[in-house]
Protein backbone atom coordinates (compact mmCIF):
# COMPACT_ATOMS: atom_id res chain seq x y z
CA MET A 1 -0.06 -0.19 -0.07
CA ILE A 2 2.48 2.22 1.04
CA ILE A 3 4.73 1.29 -2.39
CA GLN A 4 1.73 2.35 -4.10
CA TRP A 5 1.22 5.16 -2.96
CA ILE A 6 5.10 6.22 -3.04
CA ARG A 7 5.12 5.22 -6.81
CA ASN A 8 1.31 6.86 -7.62
CA SER A 9 0.06 9.31 -6.03
CA LYS A 10 0.18 13.12 -6.73
CA ALA A 11 0.48 14.19 -3.26
CA ALA A 12 4.09 11.78 -2.79
CA ALA A 13 5.19 13.46 -6.53
CA GLY A 14 4.94 16.85 -4.79
CA LEU A 15 7.13 15.46 -2.01
CA TRP A 16 9.53 14.21 -4.56
CA ALA A 17 9.90 17.46 -6.50
CA VAL A 18 10.33 19.50 -3.63
CA ILE A 19 13.11 16.47 -2.44
CA ARG A 20 14.20 16.13 -5.98
CA ILE A 21 15.14 19.90 -6.29
CA TYR A 22 16.63 19.93 -2.72
CA LEU A 23 19.49 17.19 -3.85
CA GLY A 24 19.48 18.78 -7.39
CA TYR A 25 20.31 22.23 -5.59
CA SER A 26 23.11 20.68 -3.20
CA TRP A 27 24.78 18.50 -6.25
CA LEU A 28 24.21 21.62 -8.80
CA THR A 29 26.34 24.11 -6.11
CA GLY A 30 28.89 21.75 -5.14
CA GLY A 31 29.72 21.48 -8.74
CA ILE A 32 29.93 24.70 -9.32
CA GLY A 33 31.77 25.76 -6.52
CA LYS A 34 34.32 23.00 -7.45
CA LEU A 35 34.57 24.46 -11.07
CA THR A 36 34.68 28.03 -9.85
CA GLY A 37 36.88 27.34 -7.28
CA GLY A 38 40.28 28.00 -9.10
CA GLY A 39 40.79 24.66 -10.72
CA PHE A 40 39.26 21.56 -8.76
CA ASP A 41 42.25 18.97 -8.04
CA ALA A 42 40.47 15.54 -6.67
CA SER A 43 44.01 14.23 -5.74
CA GLY A 44 44.44 15.62 -2.39
CA PHE A 45 40.99 13.90 -1.35
CA LEU A 46 42.21 11.06 -3.23
CA GLN A 47 45.26 10.49 -1.12
CA GLY A 48 43.47 11.13 2.09
CA ALA A 49 40.96 8.47 1.88
CA VAL A 50 44.19 6.03 0.74
CA ALA A 51 46.08 7.45 3.92
CA GLN A 52 42.67 6.65 6.26
CA ALA A 53 42.72 2.95 5.46
CA GLY A 54 45.85 2.40 7.40
CA GLY A 55 45.61 2.05 11.38
CA ASP A 56 43.59 -0.33 14.11
CA HIS A 57 39.98 1.07 12.89
CA PRO A 58 40.15 2.34 9.43
CA ALA A 59 37.97 4.69 7.60
CA VAL A 60 38.29 3.23 4.07
CA GLN A 61 38.19 -0.31 3.51
CA GLY A 62 41.32 -2.06 1.90
CA TRP A 63 39.47 -3.08 -1.42
CA TRP A 64 38.28 0.64 -1.71
CA ALA A 65 41.76 2.05 -1.11
CA VAL A 66 43.69 -0.69 -3.62
CA PHE A 67 40.95 0.69 -6.29
CA LEU A 68 41.55 4.39 -5.19
CA GLU A 69 45.61 4.10 -5.11
CA GLN A 70 45.80 1.98 -8.44
CA VAL A 71 42.90 3.08 -10.88
CA ALA A 72 41.82 6.66 -9.40
CA LEU A 73 45.16 8.00 -8.16
CA PRO A 74 46.94 7.66 -11.50
CA ASN A 75 44.09 9.42 -13.29
CA ALA A 76 43.15 12.30 -10.67
CA GLY A 77 42.65 14.48 -13.69
CA LEU A 78 39.69 12.24 -15.17
CA PHE A 79 38.15 11.19 -11.99
CA SER A 80 38.57 15.44 -11.01
CA PHE A 81 36.49 16.42 -14.41
CA LEU A 82 34.24 13.54 -13.44
CA VAL A 83 33.29 14.76 -9.77
CA MET A 84 32.77 18.42 -10.99
CA TRP A 85 30.84 17.66 -14.05
CA GLY A 86 29.06 14.54 -12.85
CA GLU A 87 27.71 17.09 -9.80
CA ILE A 88 26.70 19.85 -11.86
CA LEU A 89 24.63 17.43 -14.75
CA VAL A 90 22.77 15.39 -11.76
CA GLY A 91 22.00 18.89 -10.18
CA ILE A 92 20.59 20.12 -13.50
CA ALA A 93 19.23 16.80 -14.11
CA LEU A 94 17.12 16.76 -10.73
CA ILE A 95 16.58 20.51 -10.69
CA LEU A 96 14.54 20.38 -14.00
CA GLY A 97 12.94 16.57 -13.04
CA VAL A 98 14.42 15.23 -16.70
CA PHE A 99 16.07 11.24 -16.91
CA THR A 100 15.20 11.77 -12.99
CA ASN A 101 15.86 8.04 -12.23
CA PHE A 102 19.11 7.90 -14.15
CA ALA A 103 20.24 11.41 -12.42
CA ALA A 104 19.47 9.77 -8.98
CA LEU A 105 21.43 6.64 -9.70
CA MET A 106 24.81 8.83 -10.44
CA GLY A 107 24.16 10.87 -7.86
CA ILE A 108 23.64 7.85 -5.29
CA THR A 109 26.70 6.03 -6.96
CA MET A 110 29.20 9.70 -6.26
CA ASN A 111 27.35 9.32 -2.46
CA PHE A 112 28.45 5.92 -1.96
CA ALA A 113 32.17 6.67 -3.61
CA PHE A 114 32.37 9.53 -1.13
CA LEU A 115 30.88 7.51 2.12
CA PHE A 116 33.47 4.81 0.87
CA SER A 117 36.32 7.23 0.69
CA GLY A 118 35.85 7.97 4.46
CA THR A 119 33.83 11.18 4.21
CA VAL A 120 30.61 11.35 5.96
CA SER A 121 29.59 15.03 5.70
CA THR A 122 25.73 15.14 4.17
CA ASN A 123 26.24 12.21 2.07
CA ALA A 124 24.35 10.18 4.42
CA GLN A 125 21.44 11.77 4.02
CA MET A 126 21.30 12.21 0.44
CA VAL A 127 21.75 8.49 0.30
CA LEU A 128 18.46 8.17 2.04
CA LEU A 129 16.99 10.85 0.22
CA THR A 130 17.74 9.48 -3.16
CA VAL A 131 16.36 6.05 -2.34
CA PHE A 132 13.09 7.29 -1.81
CA ILE A 133 13.52 9.04 -5.02
CA LEU A 134 14.86 5.80 -6.57
CA VAL A 135 11.74 3.70 -5.32
CA ALA A 136 9.12 6.57 -6.29
CA GLY A 137 10.14 5.62 -10.27
CA ALA A 138 8.20 7.60 -12.96
CA ASN A 139 6.32 9.59 -9.99
CA ALA A 140 9.70 11.24 -8.70
CA GLY A 141 9.85 12.95 -12.06
CA ARG A 142 5.94 13.61 -12.24
CA TYR A 143 6.32 17.54 -11.67
CA GLY A 144 9.51 18.11 -13.77
CA LEU A 145 10.54 17.66 -17.69
CA ASP A 146 10.05 13.69 -17.51
CA ARG A 147 6.65 14.37 -17.93
CA TRP A 148 6.95 15.04 -21.21
CA VAL A 149 10.29 13.65 -22.32
CA MET A 150 9.75 10.19 -21.27
CA PRO A 151 6.22 9.36 -22.92
CA TYR A 152 8.10 11.38 -26.15
CA LEU A 153 11.03 8.78 -25.94
CA ARG A 154 8.74 5.96 -25.50
CA ASN A 155 6.42 6.51 -28.59
CA HIS A 156 9.68 7.89 -30.72
CA TYR A 157 11.71 5.07 -29.97
CA PRO A 158 9.83 1.93 -29.10
CA LYS A 159 11.93 -0.78 -28.03
CA HIS A 160 13.54 -3.65 -30.67
CA THR A 161 11.86 -6.72 -30.71
CA THR A 162 13.32 -9.67 -31.80
CA LYS A 163 11.12 -11.80 -34.37
CA THR A 164 10.24 -15.12 -33.61
CA PRO A 165 10.52 -17.81 -36.43
CA THR A 166 6.74 -18.33 -37.98
CA LYS A 167 7.69 -22.14 -38.64
CA PRO A 168 9.18 -24.62 -36.76
CA ILE A 169 12.67 -25.55 -36.91
CA ALA A 170 13.42 -28.94 -38.83
CA SER A 171 15.93 -30.86 -36.29
């Protein structure tokens, strides 16, 4: 019953719009701050996360530290670009309510990456709110551009189906 309300109710859609816009604003301001802040460089953050993987009570799991050290740090420029523009694009998409579920999924992925890296901040709160947006599905974008974009895409780009043979295949 509650899931039906979350996914179908117009009142719930209004609540999801408020939450969606709040999350979008948080992502957008974070990304713009990185863009205009004189050159965002994630390497310091990544090095700090790797350093938190040691000791008696590590804040960062060993497997994640290995990923950061072997993949992210050598490509810190790429990761800086992806984080900065990812935050901006997720923010814009959530504010406008366009591709809402995909934007929420990308946002929660970034939140988890930050949490895995030992940063709490507002990430846990954002994860919780994003879970509601994801559970709401299409209802989260009802009062946004998804209201027009998703039906347009469904009508103009139908699913490709494969034809089934009309005759049985001889053995």
